[in-house]
Protein backbone atom coordinates (compact mmCIF):
# COMPACT_ATOMS: atom_id res chain seq x y z
CA MET A 1 118.54 69.38 89.68
CA VAL A 2 117.90 65.67 90.22
CA LYS A 3 120.03 62.85 88.77
CA ILE A 4 118.04 59.77 87.78
CA LEU A 5 118.71 56.39 86.22
CA HIS A 6 115.87 54.88 84.19
CA PHE A 7 115.67 51.31 82.90
CA ALA A 8 112.91 48.83 82.03
CA ASP A 9 111.99 45.37 80.76
CA ALA A 10 114.63 43.36 82.59
CA HIS A 11 113.01 39.93 82.00
CA ILE A 12 115.90 38.34 83.87
CA ASP A 13 114.58 34.76 83.66
CA MET A 14 114.39 34.56 79.86
CA ALA A 15 116.40 31.33 79.63
CA ASN A 16 115.18 30.40 76.16
CA TYR A 17 118.63 29.66 74.69
CA GLY A 18 121.78 27.86 75.75
CA ARG A 19 123.00 25.80 78.66
CA HIS A 20 123.62 26.14 82.42
CA ASP A 21 126.67 27.54 84.15
CA PRO A 22 128.32 24.66 86.05
CA GLN A 23 129.40 26.87 88.97
CA SER A 24 126.24 28.86 89.75
CA GLY A 25 123.74 26.40 88.28
CA LEU A 26 122.00 29.30 86.56
CA PRO A 27 121.15 29.22 82.86
CA MET A 28 123.88 31.13 81.07
CA ARG A 29 121.30 33.31 79.33
CA VAL A 30 119.95 34.34 82.73
CA MET A 31 123.51 35.27 83.67
CA ASP A 32 123.62 37.52 80.57
CA PHE A 33 120.59 39.44 81.84
CA LEU A 34 122.04 39.61 85.36
CA LYS A 35 125.33 41.04 84.01
CA SER A 36 123.37 43.88 82.42
CA LEU A 37 121.44 44.41 85.65
CA ASP A 38 124.73 44.46 87.60
CA GLU A 39 126.07 47.13 85.23
CA ILE A 40 122.95 49.24 85.74
CA VAL A 41 123.02 48.95 89.55
CA GLN A 42 126.75 49.63 89.76
CA THR A 43 126.41 52.70 87.53
CA ALA A 44 123.64 54.07 89.76
CA ILE A 45 125.92 53.67 92.80
CA ASP A 46 129.09 54.98 91.09
CA LYS A 47 127.32 58.01 89.58
CA LYS A 48 125.57 58.71 92.90
CA VAL A 49 122.19 59.14 91.26
CA ASP A 50 119.35 60.43 93.41
CA LEU A 51 116.60 58.25 91.98
CA VAL A 52 116.34 54.95 90.08
CA ILE A 53 113.16 54.30 88.10
CA PHE A 54 112.46 50.78 86.89
CA ALA A 55 109.53 51.02 84.48
CA GLY A 56 108.23 47.45 84.75
CA ASP A 57 108.64 43.76 83.75
CA ALA A 58 111.23 42.27 86.07
CA TYR A 59 110.54 38.71 84.89
CA LYS A 60 108.96 36.88 81.98
CA ASP A 61 105.79 36.19 84.02
CA ARG A 62 104.27 36.78 87.46
CA SER A 63 105.46 33.42 88.88
CA PRO A 64 109.26 33.55 88.80
CA ALA A 65 111.29 30.74 90.33
CA PRO A 66 112.62 31.54 93.84
CA THR A 67 116.19 31.45 92.48
CA TYR A 68 115.43 34.29 90.08
CA GLN A 69 113.63 36.26 92.78
CA ARG A 70 116.77 35.88 94.92
CA GLU A 71 118.99 37.25 92.14
CA TRP A 72 116.67 40.19 91.43
CA GLY A 73 116.39 40.88 95.17
CA LYS A 74 120.18 40.98 95.62
CA ARG A 75 120.50 43.78 93.06
CA ILE A 76 117.60 45.86 94.37
CA MET A 77 118.93 45.53 97.93
CA GLN A 78 122.25 47.00 96.73
CA LEU A 79 120.37 50.15 95.72
CA SER A 80 118.51 50.16 99.04
CA HIS A 81 121.73 49.85 101.05
CA ALA A 82 123.32 52.63 98.98
CA GLY A 83 120.49 54.95 100.09
CA ILE A 84 119.20 55.47 96.55
CA GLN A 85 115.48 56.09 96.25
CA THR A 86 114.22 53.31 93.93
CA LEU A 87 110.83 53.09 92.25
CA LEU A 88 109.66 49.69 90.95
CA LEU A 89 106.72 49.93 88.57
CA THR A 90 104.68 46.79 87.90
CA GLY A 91 104.47 45.76 84.24
CA ASN A 92 102.17 43.42 82.37
CA HIS A 93 104.56 40.48 82.94
CA ASP A 94 104.65 41.17 86.68
CA ILE A 95 100.94 40.95 87.44
CA SER A 96 98.29 38.23 87.39
CA PRO A 97 95.22 38.65 85.19
CA SER A 98 93.19 37.55 88.23
CA THR A 99 92.14 40.33 90.58
CA GLY A 100 93.62 40.11 94.07
CA ARG A 101 96.61 37.87 93.25
CA ALA A 102 100.05 38.98 94.41
CA HIS A 103 102.38 40.35 91.74
CA ALA A 104 105.97 39.30 91.08
CA ILE A 105 107.65 42.13 93.03
CA GLN A 106 105.18 42.16 95.91
CA GLU A 107 107.78 41.27 98.57
CA PHE A 108 109.48 44.69 98.41
CA LYS A 109 106.17 46.32 99.32
CA THR A 110 105.17 43.72 101.92
CA LEU A 111 108.53 43.92 103.72
CA GLU A 112 108.70 47.72 103.41
CA VAL A 113 112.27 47.64 102.10
CA PRO A 114 113.98 50.98 102.92
CA ASN A 115 114.31 53.41 99.99
CA VAL A 116 112.32 51.08 97.69
CA LYS A 117 108.76 51.85 96.62
CA VAL A 118 106.62 49.47 94.58
CA LEU A 119 104.21 51.35 92.32
CA ASP A 120 101.37 48.91 91.61
CA LYS A 121 98.55 51.41 91.26
CA PRO A 122 98.23 54.89 89.70
CA GLN A 123 99.55 57.42 92.18
CA PHE A 124 101.25 60.75 92.71
CA LEU A 125 104.46 60.93 94.74
CA SER A 126 105.35 64.27 96.29
CA VAL A 127 108.73 65.53 97.48
CA ASP A 128 107.94 64.16 100.95
CA ASP A 129 107.05 60.74 99.51
CA LEU A 130 110.50 60.60 97.88
CA GLY A 131 112.58 61.29 100.98
CA GLY A 132 112.84 65.02 100.35
CA LEU A 133 114.16 64.74 96.79
CA PRO A 134 113.23 67.90 94.85
CA VAL A 135 111.10 66.01 92.32
CA GLN A 136 107.53 64.73 92.02
CA VAL A 137 106.43 61.59 90.20
CA ILE A 138 103.22 60.48 88.52
CA ALA A 139 103.12 56.67 88.26
CA LEU A 140 101.01 54.58 85.86
CA PRO A 141 101.70 50.85 86.30
CA TRP A 142 100.21 48.31 83.90
CA ILE A 143 96.50 47.95 84.42
CA SER A 144 94.94 44.65 83.32
CA ARG A 145 91.66 44.82 81.43
CA SER A 146 89.96 42.44 83.89
CA GLY A 147 90.99 44.56 86.85
CA LEU A 148 89.92 47.69 85.05
CA MET A 149 86.51 46.28 84.14
CA ALA A 150 85.93 45.20 87.73
CA SER A 151 86.90 48.58 89.17
CA LEU A 152 84.81 50.49 86.63
CA GLU A 153 81.93 47.97 86.81
CA LEU A 154 81.99 47.48 83.05
CA GLY A 155 80.86 43.82 82.93
CA GLY A 156 80.19 43.09 79.26
CA THR A 157 81.67 46.23 77.77
CA ASP A 158 83.54 45.88 74.48
CA PRO A 159 87.37 45.88 75.04
CA SER A 160 87.96 48.87 72.77
CA GLU A 161 85.28 50.81 74.67
CA THR A 162 86.89 49.76 77.97
CA TYR A 163 90.26 51.15 76.91
CA LYS A 164 88.62 54.32 75.67
CA ILE A 165 87.00 54.85 79.07
CA LEU A 166 90.29 54.02 80.79
CA GLY A 167 92.15 56.53 78.62
CA GLU A 168 89.65 59.22 79.54
CA ARG A 169 89.91 58.40 83.27
CA ILE A 170 93.72 58.40 83.19
CA SER A 171 93.88 61.66 81.26
CA GLU A 172 91.57 63.24 83.81
CA LEU A 173 93.61 61.81 86.69
CA ILE A 174 96.93 63.08 85.33
CA GLU A 175 95.47 66.48 84.56
CA ASN A 176 94.29 66.81 88.16
CA TRP A 177 97.69 65.74 89.50
CA LEU A 178 99.48 68.20 87.23
CA LYS A 179 97.21 71.01 88.42
CA ASP A 180 97.96 70.14 92.05
CA ALA A 181 101.72 69.66 91.49
CA ASP A 182 104.22 72.27 92.65
CA PRO A 183 104.95 74.28 89.47
CA ASP A 184 108.51 74.99 90.63
CA VAL A 185 109.49 71.35 91.17
CA PRO A 186 110.41 69.01 88.25
CA THR A 187 107.71 66.44 87.43
CA ILE A 188 108.33 62.93 86.08
CA LEU A 189 105.72 60.65 84.56
CA THR A 190 106.56 56.94 84.61
CA ALA A 191 104.32 54.39 82.89
CA HIS A 192 104.33 50.81 81.71
CA ALA A 193 102.19 51.20 78.61
CA SER A 194 102.16 51.73 74.87
CA VAL A 195 102.14 55.23 73.46
CA GLU A 196 100.47 55.85 70.13
CA GLY A 197 103.16 56.27 67.47
CA ALA A 198 105.83 54.25 69.28
CA LYS A 199 107.41 51.28 67.50
CA TYR A 200 107.94 47.74 68.66
CA GLY A 201 111.25 46.01 68.07
CA SER A 202 109.75 44.43 64.96
CA GLU A 203 109.24 47.98 63.61
CA ARG A 204 105.49 47.62 63.26
CA MET A 205 103.48 50.53 64.54
CA VAL A 206 101.63 50.12 67.82
CA MET A 207 98.01 49.44 66.91
CA LEU A 208 95.12 50.82 68.89
CA GLY A 209 92.97 48.17 70.54
CA ASN A 210 95.70 45.64 71.41
CA ASP A 211 96.10 47.16 74.87
CA MET A 212 95.63 50.53 76.43
CA VAL A 213 97.47 53.09 74.32
CA LEU A 214 98.33 56.47 75.80
CA PRO A 215 97.72 59.45 73.50
CA PRO A 216 100.88 61.38 72.50
CA ALA A 217 99.50 64.64 73.90
CA LEU A 218 99.34 63.09 77.37
CA VAL A 219 103.03 62.17 77.56
CA LYS A 220 104.28 65.25 75.67
CA ASP A 221 102.67 67.73 78.08
CA LYS A 222 105.24 70.49 78.63
CA ARG A 223 104.44 70.57 82.35
CA LEU A 224 106.30 67.26 82.53
CA ASP A 225 110.10 67.25 82.64
CA TYR A 226 110.81 63.59 81.89
CA VAL A 227 108.69 60.57 80.86
CA ALA A 228 110.14 57.19 81.90
CA LEU A 229 108.43 54.43 79.93
CA GLY A 230 108.56 50.65 79.83
CA HIS A 231 106.80 47.88 77.84
CA ILE A 232 108.24 48.36 74.34
CA HIS A 233 111.67 46.82 73.81
CA LYS A 234 112.89 49.11 71.04
CA PRO A 235 114.91 52.04 72.46
CA GLN A 236 113.39 55.35 71.37
CA ASN A 237 112.60 58.92 72.32
CA ILE A 238 109.20 59.62 70.83
CA ASN A 239 109.51 63.35 71.49
CA GLU A 240 112.99 63.75 70.02
CA GLY A 241 114.33 67.31 70.12
CA ASN A 242 111.49 68.58 72.30
CA HIS A 243 110.69 68.89 76.00
CA PRO A 244 109.97 66.62 77.81
CA PRO A 245 112.01 63.59 76.66
CA VAL A 246 109.58 60.66 76.28
CA ILE A 247 111.81 57.61 76.47
CA TYR A 248 111.59 53.86 76.14
CA PRO A 249 115.10 52.64 77.07
CA GLY A 250 114.24 49.14 75.74
CA SER A 251 114.99 45.74 77.24
CA ILE A 252 118.32 45.22 79.02
CA GLU A 253 119.32 42.22 76.87
CA ARG A 254 118.22 40.79 73.54
CA VAL A 255 115.16 38.66 74.22
CA ASP A 256 114.80 37.03 70.79
CA PHE A 257 115.78 37.41 67.12
CA GLY A 258 113.29 40.25 66.73
CA GLU A 259 115.85 42.33 68.67
CA ALA A 260 118.92 41.00 66.83
CA GLY A 261 119.85 44.40 65.43
CA ASP A 262 118.99 46.49 68.50
CA ARG A 263 121.62 48.01 70.74
CA LYS A 264 120.73 47.98 74.44
CA TYR A 265 120.64 50.97 76.79
CA PHE A 266 119.65 52.46 80.09
CA ILE A 267 119.20 56.18 80.70
CA LEU A 268 121.02 58.70 82.87
CA ALA A 269 119.28 62.05 83.10
CA GLU A 270 119.74 65.34 84.93
CA ILE A 271 116.33 66.90 85.46
CA SER A 272 115.53 70.51 86.28
CA LYS A 273 112.25 72.35 85.88
CA GLY A 274 111.88 73.02 82.17
CA LYS A 275 115.23 71.47 81.21
CA THR A 276 116.43 67.85 81.05
CA ASP A 277 119.76 66.48 79.85
CA VAL A 278 119.69 62.83 78.74
CA ILE A 279 122.54 60.35 78.26
CA TRP A 280 121.86 57.05 76.48
CA GLN A 281 124.19 54.68 78.30
CA GLU A 282 124.88 51.67 76.08
CA LEU A 283 125.11 48.35 77.91
CA LYS A 284 128.37 46.47 77.44
CA ASN A 285 128.87 42.78 76.78
CA ILE A 286 125.44 42.20 75.23
CA ARG A 287 125.42 38.75 73.64
CA PRO A 288 125.20 39.07 69.83
CA PHE A 289 122.27 37.58 67.92
CA ILE A 290 123.02 36.86 64.25
CA ASP A 291 120.05 36.23 61.97
CA ILE A 292 120.88 34.84 58.50
CA HIS A 293 118.37 34.21 55.71
CA VAL A 294 119.40 32.36 52.55
CA THR A 295 117.25 31.55 49.51
CA LEU A 296 118.86 28.92 47.27
CA GLU A 297 118.20 29.68 43.62
CA SER A 298 119.82 26.54 42.18
CA ASN A 299 121.20 23.19 43.31
CA GLN A 300 124.75 24.09 42.29
CA ALA A 301 127.39 24.54 45.05
CA ILE A 302 124.71 24.66 47.73
CA ASN A 303 127.07 24.08 50.65
CA HIS A 304 129.54 26.72 49.46
CA LYS A 305 126.70 29.25 49.36
CA LEU A 306 125.53 28.35 52.86
CA GLN A 307 129.05 28.43 54.31
CA ASP A 308 129.78 31.75 52.59
CA ALA A 309 126.66 33.21 54.26
CA LEU A 310 128.16 32.60 57.71
CA PRO A 311 129.95 35.54 59.37
CA PRO A 312 133.70 35.42 60.15
CA GLN A 313 134.81 33.02 62.89
CA GLU A 314 135.65 35.84 65.30
CA THR A 315 132.05 37.10 64.96
CA ILE A 316 130.57 33.63 65.42
CA LYS A 317 132.26 33.10 68.79
CA ASP A 318 129.73 33.17 71.68
CA ALA A 319 126.91 34.44 69.44
CA ILE A 320 123.39 33.02 69.14
CA ILE A 321 122.95 32.29 65.44
CA ARG A 322 119.92 31.43 63.37
CA MET A 323 120.24 30.43 59.73
CA VAL A 324 116.97 30.15 57.81
CA VAL A 325 117.30 28.44 54.42
CA GLU A 326 114.63 28.27 51.70
CA TYR A 327 115.13 25.72 48.93
CA GLN A 328 113.37 23.29 46.63
CA ARG A 329 112.40 20.20 48.56
CA GLU A 330 114.31 17.80 46.30
CA TRP A 331 117.58 19.62 47.10
CA GLU A 332 117.45 18.76 50.81
CA VAL A 333 119.73 15.72 50.42
CA LEU A 334 122.44 18.04 49.07
CA ILE A 335 122.60 20.17 52.24
CA ASP A 336 125.48 19.25 54.57
CA GLU A 337 124.15 20.35 57.96
CA THR A 338 127.01 18.58 59.78
CA ALA A 339 129.58 20.82 58.08
CA LEU A 340 127.61 23.94 59.03
CA ARG A 341 127.43 22.85 62.65
CA ALA A 342 131.17 22.18 62.69
CA LEU A 343 131.86 25.70 61.37
CA THR A 344 129.55 27.26 63.98
CA ALA A 345 130.87 25.19 66.90
CA PRO A 346 132.36 28.32 68.62
CA ALA A 347 128.86 29.87 68.74
CA PHE A 348 126.88 29.92 71.96
CA GLU A 349 124.04 28.30 70.04
CA PHE A 350 123.28 27.58 66.37
CA HIS A 351 119.75 27.16 65.04
CA PHE A 352 119.42 25.75 61.54
CA VAL A 353 115.92 26.28 60.16
CA LYS A 354 115.01 24.46 56.94
CA ARG A 355 112.16 25.82 54.87
CA PRO A 356 111.61 23.63 51.81
CA LEU A 357 109.45 25.31 49.20
CA MET A 358 106.32 23.48 48.15
CA GLN A 359 105.93 23.18 44.42
CA ALA A 360 102.66 24.24 42.93
CA ARG A 361 100.33 21.33 42.22
CA VAL A 362 100.37 20.07 38.66
CA ARG A 363 97.15 21.08 36.94
CA LEU A 364 95.45 18.74 34.47
CA PRO A 365 93.99 19.99 31.19
CA GLU A 366 90.58 21.56 31.75
CA GLY A 367 87.77 19.03 31.69
CA ARG A 368 90.10 16.01 31.97
CA ALA A 369 90.41 13.68 34.95
CA ALA A 370 93.57 11.79 35.84
CA SER A 371 91.73 8.50 35.33
CA SER A 372 91.04 9.41 31.71
CA LEU A 373 94.72 10.01 30.88
CA GLY A 374 97.35 7.47 29.97
CA VAL A 375 100.53 7.10 31.98
CA VAL A 376 102.71 8.70 29.31
CA GLU A 377 100.27 11.60 28.96
CA LEU A 378 100.50 12.15 32.70
CA LEU A 379 104.29 12.04 32.45
CA ASP A 380 104.21 14.73 29.75
CA ILE A 381 102.16 16.98 32.02
CA TYR A 382 104.61 16.31 34.87
CA TRP A 383 107.67 17.19 32.77
CA ASP A 384 106.05 20.43 31.62
CA ALA A 385 105.26 21.43 35.22
CA SER A 386 108.59 20.28 36.69
CA SER A 387 110.86 22.90 38.25
CA GLN A 388 113.80 21.12 36.58
CA ASP A 389 114.58 21.96 32.97
CA VAL A 390 113.80 18.91 30.86
CA ASP A 391 114.58 19.45 27.17
CA LYS A 392 112.57 17.84 24.40
CA GLU A 393 115.15 15.17 23.59
CA LYS A 394 115.61 14.14 27.23
CA LYS A 395 111.85 14.10 27.77
CA GLU A 396 111.38 11.73 24.81
CA LYS A 397 114.08 9.35 26.10
CA LEU A 398 112.45 9.31 29.55
CA ASN A 399 109.05 8.62 28.00
CA GLN A 400 110.51 5.75 25.94
CA LEU A 401 111.98 4.29 29.11
CA ALA A 402 108.61 4.68 30.81
CA ARG A 403 106.83 2.88 27.95
CA SER A 404 109.36 0.05 28.14
CA ILE A 405 108.80 -0.36 31.89
CA ILE A 406 105.01 -0.24 31.48
CA ASP A 407 105.11 -2.84 28.69
CA ASP A 408 107.28 -5.14 30.81
CA VAL A 409 104.87 -4.86 33.73
CA ARG A 410 101.87 -5.53 31.52
CA SER A 411 103.54 -8.58 29.92
CA GLY A 412 104.32 -10.02 33.34
CA ASP A 413 108.12 -9.68 32.95
């Protein structure tokens, strides 16, 4: 039996909200991600796991600032010093689209950090490759389309055809590795990729053709004992109740409002041949994202409605809040944004998004041009098309006032 810890999609430099910490100089959102990473690393050490698998995407892109590389390096070195075998898979955010460029976690491979292996190409790791651990690993890092086309000499091939060929090659590769694997030793597949049928955080189904999509049969092969995936931020086991577990643990912090309702996890698993026990370990102290949508149906008590839509003060504290408001454009002057910002002052950040609704254009009677209509006739058409209720008596008074103004203008008064 082998104890593993599996996590993915760290994206530790996603500093897209908030301010900087005055002591460390780091963006406070980066510190949120690092707190989650600290919890993961400390759990691996405390639980004395045999193997840590990181399934890709350490940063938001392949050119992280040196400061963020330092912070990531500190945590990985803790695992190295603890003697824990650690596998770092390259994800799509870690690699350059240009062939031959270094990837974001290259230094661990270049410096040959003890107990740390960088998996930047498809490969099979035997028991000997893993320091004698009784487990074998098949690794599928992210493969860019440009790199794939170059390696397969597919110059002008259609992208969908390229991915089809890639899928066939990978299936053949994995099948050969599974045939050669020791049937008595547990086998893990780790991949940074989409699997057909998995869901993104936005709940839309993964669509074929966007990137390489692994077929379900490939990852659900019963000769596998655990499948450690990365790339999709929504936590899920896409082989629930069956063997092997096929798991996306999700990102380690909320990246944007698309993940506002998601809880965040990493995985602890005990793996034996033919049997795997999985624990979803929920991350603590994840910063809350609160997404509020309000559609104003009338111009009465607008600010009361907006304020009532806010959560309780104790929930607001330290949260990242977005309030999206839809309303008729002419009501904008009635919205007291200052009061809303005062009420949300305890929040980490408050985003107020105004979405005024555009009224439909007034249509003239068929066959008539505006130049052929009198001013009062045009006013009648406007009142009929107005979103405000204008009764017959009020409309007539307004038209009389309009005639009076027009007559005064025409008379030179």
